Amino acid sequence: QVQFVESGGGLVQPGGSLRLSCAASGSIFSIYA
């Protein structure tokens, strides 16, 4: 079982950029699409 914590969102103007991150728990994360 894998659990997720997302971050990086916010308010941005049209044309702007953001970078989202997702930290996943679980030792077998690498095998998942």
PDB file of all heavy atoms in Angstrom:
ATOM      1  N   GLN A   1       0.845  -1.192   0.000  1.00  0.00           N
ATOM      2  CA  GLN A   1       0.000   0.000   0.000  1.00  0.00           C
ATOM      3  C   GLN A   1       0.883   1.247   0.000  1.00  0.00           C
ATOM      4  O   GLN A   1       1.873   1.309   0.720  1.00  0.00           O
ATOM      5  CB  GLN A   1      -0.910  -0.001   1.230  1.00  0.00           C
ATOM      6  CG  GLN A   1      -1.897   1.153   1.260  1.00  0.00           C
ATOM      7  CD  GLN A   1      -2.819   1.060   2.469  1.00  0.00           C
ATOM      8  OE1 GLN A   1      -2.657   0.174   3.326  1.00  0.00           O
ATOM      9  NE2 GLN A   1      -3.777   1.936   2.556  1.00  0.00           N
ATOM     10  N   VAL A   2       0.529   2.214  -0.834  1.00  0.00           N
ATOM     11  CA  VAL A   2       1.299   3.450  -0.938  1.00  0.00           C
ATOM     12  C   VAL A   2       0.395   4.615  -0.568  1.00  0.00           C
ATOM     13  O   VAL A   2      -0.758   4.658  -0.991  1.00  0.00           O
ATOM     14  CB  VAL A   2       1.851   3.639  -2.363  1.00  0.00           C
ATOM     15  CG1 VAL A   2       2.725   4.881  -2.444  1.00  0.00           C
ATOM     16  CG2 VAL A   2       2.644   2.407  -2.803  1.00  0.00           C
ATOM     17  N   GLN A   3       0.906   5.549   0.204  1.00  0.00           N
ATOM     18  CA  GLN A   3       0.162   6.762   0.560  1.00  0.00           C
ATOM     19  C   GLN A   3       0.898   7.978   0.034  1.00  0.00           C
ATOM     20  O   GLN A   3       2.108   7.950  -0.164  1.00  0.00           O
ATOM     21  CB  GLN A   3      -0.038   6.831   2.071  1.00  0.00           C
ATOM     22  CG  GLN A   3      -0.918   5.690   2.589  1.00  0.00           C
ATOM     23  CD  GLN A   3      -1.172   5.781   4.069  1.00  0.00           C
ATOM     24  OE1 GLN A   3      -0.300   6.152   4.840  1.00  0.00           O
ATOM     25  NE2 GLN A   3      -2.389   5.429   4.483  1.00  0.00           N
ATOM     26  N   PHE A   4       0.148   9.068  -0.161  1.00  0.00           N
ATOM     27  CA  PHE A   4       0.661  10.216  -0.910  1.00  0.00           C
ATOM     28  C   PHE A   4       0.442  11.537  -0.175  1.00  0.00           C
ATOM     29  O   PHE A   4      -0.613  11.749   0.422  1.00  0.00           O
ATOM     30  CB  PHE A   4      -0.042  10.292  -2.269  1.00  0.00           C
ATOM     31  CG  PHE A   4      -0.119   8.977  -2.961  1.00  0.00           C
ATOM     32  CD1 PHE A   4      -1.290   8.242  -2.950  1.00  0.00           C
ATOM     33  CD2 PHE A   4       0.995   8.438  -3.585  1.00  0.00           C
ATOM     34  CE1 PHE A   4      -1.361   6.997  -3.553  1.00  0.00           C
ATOM     35  CE2 PHE A   4       0.930   7.197  -4.191  1.00  0.00           C
ATOM     36  CZ  PHE A   4      -0.246   6.470  -4.180  1.00  0.00           C
ATOM     37  N   VAL A   5       1.446  12.441  -0.275  1.00  0.00           N
ATOM     38  CA  VAL A   5       1.327  13.791   0.252  1.00  0.00           C
ATOM     39  C   VAL A   5       1.733  14.756  -0.849  1.00  0.00           C
ATOM     40  O   VAL A   5       2.901  14.810  -1.248  1.00  0.00           O
ATOM     41  CB  VAL A   5       2.200  13.996   1.500  1.00  0.00           C
ATOM     42  CG1 VAL A   5       2.070  15.438   1.988  1.00  0.00           C
ATOM     43  CG2 VAL A   5       1.802  13.024   2.602  1.00  0.00           C
ATOM     44  N   GLU A   6       0.753  15.510  -1.343  1.00  0.00           N
ATOM     45  CA  GLU A   6       0.993  16.449  -2.433  1.00  0.00           C
ATOM     46  C   GLU A   6       1.306  17.839  -1.893  1.00  0.00           C
ATOM     47  O   GLU A   6       0.777  18.235  -0.849  1.00  0.00           O
ATOM     48  CB  GLU A   6      -0.245  16.533  -3.344  1.00  0.00           C
ATOM     49  CG  GLU A   6      -0.663  15.222  -3.971  1.00  0.00           C
ATOM     50  CD  GLU A   6      -1.684  14.444  -3.144  1.00  0.00           C
ATOM     51  OE1 GLU A   6      -1.890  14.763  -1.953  1.00  0.00           O
ATOM     52  OE2 GLU A   6      -2.280  13.500  -3.697  1.00  0.00           O
ATOM     53  N   SER A   7       2.129  18.585  -2.623  1.00  0.00           N
ATOM     54  CA  SER A   7       2.459  19.956  -2.235  1.00  0.00           C
ATOM     55  C   SER A   7       2.853  20.751  -3.475  1.00  0.00           C
ATOM     56  O   SER A   7       3.047  20.173  -4.557  1.00  0.00           O
ATOM     57  CB  SER A   7       3.605  19.967  -1.216  1.00  0.00           C
ATOM     58  OG  SER A   7       4.772  19.404  -1.785  1.00  0.00           O
ATOM     59  N   GLY A   8       2.959  22.065  -3.303  1.00  0.00           N
ATOM     60  CA  GLY A   8       3.449  22.915  -4.375  1.00  0.00           C
ATOM     61  C   GLY A   8       2.397  23.755  -5.084  1.00  0.00           C
ATOM     62  O   GLY A   8       2.732  24.562  -5.950  1.00  0.00           O
ATOM     63  N   GLY A   9       1.138  23.559  -4.720  1.00  0.00           N
ATOM     64  CA  GLY A   9       0.090  24.352  -5.348  1.00  0.00           C
ATOM     65  C   GLY A   9       0.101  25.788  -4.875  1.00  0.00           C
ATOM     66  O   GLY A   9       0.895  26.183  -4.017  1.00  0.00           O
ATOM     67  N   GLY A  10      -0.782  26.598  -5.462  1.00  0.00           N
ATOM     68  CA  GLY A  10      -0.885  27.989  -5.064  1.00  0.00           C
ATOM     69  C   GLY A  10      -1.680  28.790  -6.066  1.00  0.00           C
ATOM     70  O   GLY A  10      -2.315  28.231  -6.969  1.00  0.00           O
ATOM     71  N   LEU A  11      -1.639  30.099  -5.878  1.00  0.00           N
ATOM     72  CA  LEU A  11      -2.311  31.033  -6.774  1.00  0.00           C
ATOM     73  C   LEU A  11      -1.284  31.591  -7.752  1.00  0.00           C
ATOM     74  O   LEU A  11      -0.233  32.088  -7.322  1.00  0.00           O
ATOM     75  CB  LEU A  11      -2.955  32.161  -5.973  1.00  0.00           C
ATOM     76  CG  LEU A  11      -3.552  33.327  -6.764  1.00  0.00           C
ATOM     77  CD1 LEU A  11      -4.707  32.837  -7.629  1.00  0.00           C
ATOM     78  CD2 LEU A  11      -3.998  34.421  -5.819  1.00  0.00           C
ATOM     79  N   VAL A  12      -1.584  31.512  -9.022  1.00  0.00           N
ATOM     80  CA  VAL A  12      -0.657  31.984 -10.045  1.00  0.00           C
ATOM     81  C   VAL A  12      -1.445  32.667 -11.144  1.00  0.00           C
ATOM     82  O   VAL A  12      -2.598  32.319 -11.403  1.00  0.00           O
ATOM     83  CB  VAL A  12       0.186  30.801 -10.581  1.00  0.00           C
ATOM     84  CG1 VAL A  12      -0.684  29.777 -11.270  1.00  0.00           C
ATOM     85  CG2 VAL A  12       1.305  31.280 -11.476  1.00  0.00           C
ATOM     86  N   GLN A  13      -0.825  33.638 -11.782  1.00  0.00           N
ATOM     87  CA  GLN A  13      -1.475  34.340 -12.893  1.00  0.00           C
ATOM     88  C   GLN A  13      -1.412  33.488 -14.167  1.00  0.00           C
ATOM     89  O   GLN A  13      -0.511  32.640 -14.313  1.00  0.00           O
ATOM     90  CB  GLN A  13      -0.789  35.680 -13.145  1.00  0.00           C
ATOM     91  CG  GLN A  13      -0.979  36.682 -12.023  1.00  0.00           C
ATOM     92  CD  GLN A  13      -0.430  38.050 -12.369  1.00  0.00           C
ATOM     93  OE1 GLN A  13       0.385  38.185 -13.283  1.00  0.00           O
ATOM     94  NE2 GLN A  13      -0.870  39.059 -11.651  1.00  0.00           N
ATOM     95  N   PRO A  14      -2.342  33.699 -15.071  1.00  0.00           N
ATOM     96  CA  PRO A  14      -2.263  33.006 -16.371  1.00  0.00           C
ATOM     97  C   PRO A  14      -0.899  33.195 -17.016  1.00  0.00           C
ATOM     98  O   PRO A  14      -0.337  34.299 -16.991  1.00  0.00           O
ATOM     99  CB  PRO A  14      -3.371  33.666 -17.180  1.00  0.00           C
ATOM    100  CG  PRO A  14      -4.371  34.105 -16.165  1.00  0.00           C
ATOM    101  CD  PRO A  14      -3.554  34.532 -14.979  1.00  0.00           C
ATOM    102  N   GLY A  15      -0.367  32.113 -17.567  1.00  0.00           N
ATOM    103  CA  GLY A  15       0.967  32.155 -18.143  1.00  0.00           C
ATOM    104  C   GLY A  15       2.070  31.806 -17.171  1.00  0.00           C
ATOM    105  O   GLY A  15       3.225  31.627 -17.584  1.00  0.00           O
ATOM    106  N   GLY A  16       1.736  31.697 -15.900  1.00  0.00           N
ATOM    107  CA  GLY A  16       2.732  31.395 -14.883  1.00  0.00           C
ATOM    108  C   GLY A  16       3.061  29.912 -14.786  1.00  0.00           C
ATOM    109  O   GLY A  16       2.538  29.090 -15.546  1.00  0.00           O
ATOM    110  N   SER A  17       3.909  29.591 -13.814  1.00  0.00           N
ATOM    111  CA  SER A  17       4.385  28.223 -13.636  1.00  0.00           C
ATOM    112  C   SER A  17       4.303  27.796 -12.177  1.00  0.00           C
ATOM    113  O   SER A  17       4.378  28.631 -11.271  1.00  0.00           O
ATOM    114  CB  SER A  17       5.852  28.106 -14.096  1.00  0.00           C
ATOM    115  OG  SER A  17       5.996  28.407 -15.466  1.00  0.00           O
ATOM    116  N   LEU A  18       4.142  26.514 -11.980  1.00  0.00           N
ATOM    117  CA  LEU A  18       4.209  25.897 -10.667  1.00  0.00           C
ATOM    118  C   LEU A  18       4.862  24.532 -10.808  1.00  0.00           C
ATOM    119  O   LEU A  18       4.779  23.904 -11.867  1.00  0.00           O
ATOM    120  CB  LEU A  18       2.818  25.710 -10.063  1.00  0.00           C
ATOM    121  CG  LEU A  18       2.089  26.940  -9.519  1.00  0.00           C
ATOM    122  CD1 LEU A  18       0.649  26.573  -9.136  1.00  0.00           C
ATOM    123  CD2 LEU A  18       2.814  27.536  -8.324  1.00  0.00           C
ATOM    124  N   ARG A  19       5.468  24.075  -9.714  1.00  0.00           N
ATOM    125  CA  ARG A  19       6.010  22.720  -9.682  1.00  0.00           C
ATOM    126  C   ARG A  19       5.382  21.963  -8.522  1.00  0.00           C
ATOM    127  O   ARG A  19       5.557  22.361  -7.360  1.00  0.00           O
ATOM    128  CB  ARG A  19       7.527  22.724  -9.539  1.00  0.00           C
ATOM    129  CG  ARG A  19       8.158  21.340  -9.708  1.00  0.00           C
ATOM    130  CD  ARG A  19       9.609  21.350  -9.295  1.00  0.00           C
ATOM    131  NE  ARG A  19      10.310  20.135  -9.725  1.00  0.00           N
ATOM    132  CZ  ARG A  19      11.338  19.608  -9.071  1.00  0.00           C
ATOM    133  NH1 ARG A  19      11.778  20.180  -7.964  1.00  0.00           N
ATOM    134  NH2 ARG A  19      11.927  18.517  -9.529  1.00  0.00           N
ATOM    135  N   LEU A  20       4.665  20.920  -8.834  1.00  0.00           N
ATOM    136  CA  LEU A  20       4.030  20.103  -7.813  1.00  0.00           C
ATOM    137  C   LEU A  20       4.942  18.945  -7.431  1.00  0.00           C
ATOM    138  O   LEU A  20       5.677  18.421  -8.270  1.00  0.00           O
ATOM    139  CB  LEU A  20       2.701  19.551  -8.319  1.00  0.00           C
ATOM    140  CG  LEU A  20       1.677  20.564  -8.838  1.00  0.00           C
ATOM    141  CD1 LEU A  20       0.372  19.851  -9.190  1.00  0.00           C
ATOM    142  CD2 LEU A  20       1.437  21.661  -7.831  1.00  0.00           C
ATOM    143  N   SER A  21       4.862  18.549  -6.164  1.00  0.00           N
ATOM    144  CA  SER A  21       5.598  17.401  -5.663  1.00  0.00           C
ATOM    145  C   SER A  21       4.640  16.447  -4.978  1.00  0.00           C
ATOM    146  O   SER A  21       3.645  16.880  -4.376  1.00  0.00           O
ATOM    147  CB  SER A  21       6.682  17.826  -4.676  1.00  0.00           C
ATOM    148  OG  SER A  21       7.630  18.664  -5.286  1.00  0.00           O
ATOM    149  N   CYS A  22       4.959  15.183  -5.038  1.00  0.00           N
ATOM    150  CA  CYS A  22       4.163  14.164  -4.355  1.00  0.00           C
ATOM    151  C   CYS A  22       5.121  13.201  -3.681  1.00  0.00           C
ATOM    152  O   CYS A  22       5.862  12.484  -4.370  1.00  0.00           O
ATOM    153  CB  CYS A  22       3.273  13.435  -5.342  1.00  0.00           C
ATOM    154  SG  CYS A  22       2.467  11.970  -4.669  1.00  0.00           S
ATOM    155  N   ALA A  23       5.098  13.196  -2.367  1.00  0.00           N
ATOM    156  CA  ALA A  23       5.903  12.259  -1.598  1.00  0.00           C
ATOM    157  C   ALA A  23       5.072  11.023  -1.310  1.00  0.00           C
ATOM    158  O   ALA A  23       3.954  11.116  -0.793  1.00  0.00           O
ATOM    159  CB  ALA A  23       6.365  12.910  -0.302  1.00  0.00           C
ATOM    160  N   ALA A  24       5.614   9.885  -1.666  1.00  0.00           N
ATOM    161  CA  ALA A  24       4.896   8.624  -1.488  1.00  0.00           C
ATOM    162  C   ALA A  24       5.580   7.760  -0.450  1.00  0.00           C
ATOM    163  O   ALA A  24       6.817   7.690  -0.410  1.00  0.00           O
ATOM    164  CB  ALA A  24       4.813   7.881  -2.818  1.00  0.00           C
ATOM    165  N   SER A  25       4.786   7.118   0.380  1.00  0.00           N
ATOM    166  CA  SER A  25       5.337   6.178   1.346  1.00  0.00           C
ATOM    167  C   SER A  25       5.437   4.806   0.697  1.00  0.00           C
ATOM    168  O   SER A  25       4.883   4.573  -0.379  1.00  0.00           O
ATOM    169  CB  SER A  25       4.439   6.118   2.577  1.00  0.00           C
ATOM    170  OG  SER A  25       3.182   5.551   2.224  1.00  0.00           O
ATOM    171  N   GLY A  26       6.133   3.900   1.366  1.00  0.00           N
ATOM    172  CA  GLY A  26       6.187   2.542   0.821  1.00  0.00           C
ATOM    173  C   GLY A  26       7.523   2.242   0.184  1.00  0.00           C
ATOM    174  O   GLY A  26       8.035   3.032  -0.597  1.00  0.00           O
ATOM    175  N   SER A  27       8.060   1.078   0.504  1.00  0.00           N
ATOM    176  CA  SER A  27       9.396   0.729   0.042  1.00  0.00           C
ATOM    177  C   SER A  27       9.413   0.228  -1.393  1.00  0.00           C
ATOM    178  O   SER A  27      10.481   0.069  -1.967  1.00  0.00           O
ATOM    179  CB  SER A  27       9.992  -0.350   0.962  1.00  0.00           C
ATOM    180  OG  SER A  27       9.158  -1.496   0.956  1.00  0.00           O
ATOM    181  N   ILE A  28       8.231  -0.013  -1.974  1.00  0.00           N
ATOM    182  CA  ILE A  28       8.211  -0.546  -3.331  1.00  0.00           C
ATOM    183  C   ILE A  28       7.635   0.469  -4.305  1.00  0.00           C
ATOM    184  O   ILE A  28       7.089   0.130  -5.338  1.00  0.00           O
ATOM    185  CB  ILE A  28       7.427  -1.871  -3.415  1.00  0.00           C
ATOM    186  CG1 ILE A  28       5.996  -1.693  -2.880  1.00  0.00           C
ATOM    187  CG2 ILE A  28       8.156  -2.959  -2.667  1.00  0.00           C
ATOM    188  CD1 ILE A  28       5.121  -2.916  -3.097  1.00  0.00           C
ATOM    189  N   PHE A  29       7.779   1.744  -3.977  1.00  0.00           N
ATOM    190  CA  PHE A  29       7.276   2.832  -4.813  1.00  0.00           C
ATOM    191  C   PHE A  29       7.757   2.691  -6.243  1.00  0.00           C
ATOM    192  O   PHE A  29       7.019   2.935  -7.194  1.00  0.00           O
ATOM    193  CB  PHE A  29       7.732   4.170  -4.229  1.00  0.00           C
ATOM    194  CG  PHE A  29       7.592   5.337  -5.165  1.00  0.00           C
ATOM    195  CD1 PHE A  29       6.368   5.971  -5.297  1.00  0.00           C
ATOM    196  CD2 PHE A  29       8.676   5.815  -5.889  1.00  0.00           C
ATOM    197  CE1 PHE A  29       6.222   7.058  -6.156  1.00  0.00           C
ATOM    198  CE2 PHE A  29       8.549   6.898  -6.737  1.00  0.00           C
ATOM    199  CZ  PHE A  29       7.316   7.521  -6.870  1.00  0.00           C
ATOM    200  N   SER A  30       9.006   2.287  -6.416  1.00  0.00           N
ATOM    201  CA  SER A  30       9.627   2.317  -7.735  1.00  0.00           C
ATOM    202  C   SER A  30       8.951   1.398  -8.748  1.00  0.00           C
ATOM    203  O   SER A  30       9.125   1.571  -9.951  1.00  0.00           O
ATOM    204  CB  SER A  30      11.106   1.965  -7.629  1.00  0.00           C
ATOM    205  OG  SER A  30      11.262   0.657  -7.129  1.00  0.00           O
ATOM    206  N   ILE A  31       8.183   0.416  -8.299  1.00  0.00           N
ATOM    207  CA  ILE A  31       7.583  -0.512  -9.253  1.00  0.00           C
ATOM    208  C   ILE A  31       6.257  -0.006  -9.803  1.00  0.00           C
ATOM    209  O   ILE A  31       5.736  -0.555 -10.763  1.00  0.00           O
ATOM    210  CB  ILE A  31       7.357  -1.902  -8.633  1.00  0.00           C
ATOM    211  CG1 ILE A  31       6.194  -1.882  -7.625  1.00  0.00           C
ATOM    212  CG2 ILE A  31       8.637  -2.422  -7.996  1.00  0.00           C
ATOM    213  CD1 ILE A  31       5.775  -3.273  -7.179  1.00  0.00           C
ATOM    214  N   TYR A  32       5.722   1.058  -9.204  1.00  0.00           N
ATOM    215  CA  TYR A  32       4.394   1.531  -9.603  1.00  0.00           C
ATOM    216  C   TYR A  32       4.458   2.543 -10.741  1.00  0.00           C
ATOM    217  O   TYR A  32       5.288   3.457 -10.726  1.00  0.00           O
ATOM    218  CB  TYR A  32       3.680   2.208  -8.428  1.00  0.00           C
ATOM    219  CG  TYR A  32       3.257   1.281  -7.319  1.00  0.00           C
ATOM    220  CD1 TYR A  32       3.929   1.279  -6.105  1.00  0.00           C
ATOM    221  CD2 TYR A  32       2.178   0.422  -7.469  1.00  0.00           C
ATOM    222  CE1 TYR A  32       3.534   0.444  -5.073  1.00  0.00           C
ATOM    223  CE2 TYR A  32       1.785  -0.419  -6.451  1.00  0.00           C
ATOM    224  CZ  TYR A  32       2.468  -0.405  -5.250  1.00  0.00           C
ATOM    225  OH  TYR A  32       2.072  -1.239  -4.243  1.00  0.00           O
ATOM    226  N   ALA A  33       3.548   2.399 -11.693  1.00  0.00           N
ATOM    227  CA  ALA A  33       3.261   3.515 -12.577  1.00  0.00           C
ATOM    228  C   ALA A  33       2.497   4.548 -11.760  1.00  0.00           C
ATOM    229  O   ALA A  33       1.649   4.198 -10.941  1.00  0.00           O
ATOM    230  CB  ALA A  33       2.427   3.068 -13.768  1.00  0.00           C
TER     231      ALA A  33
END
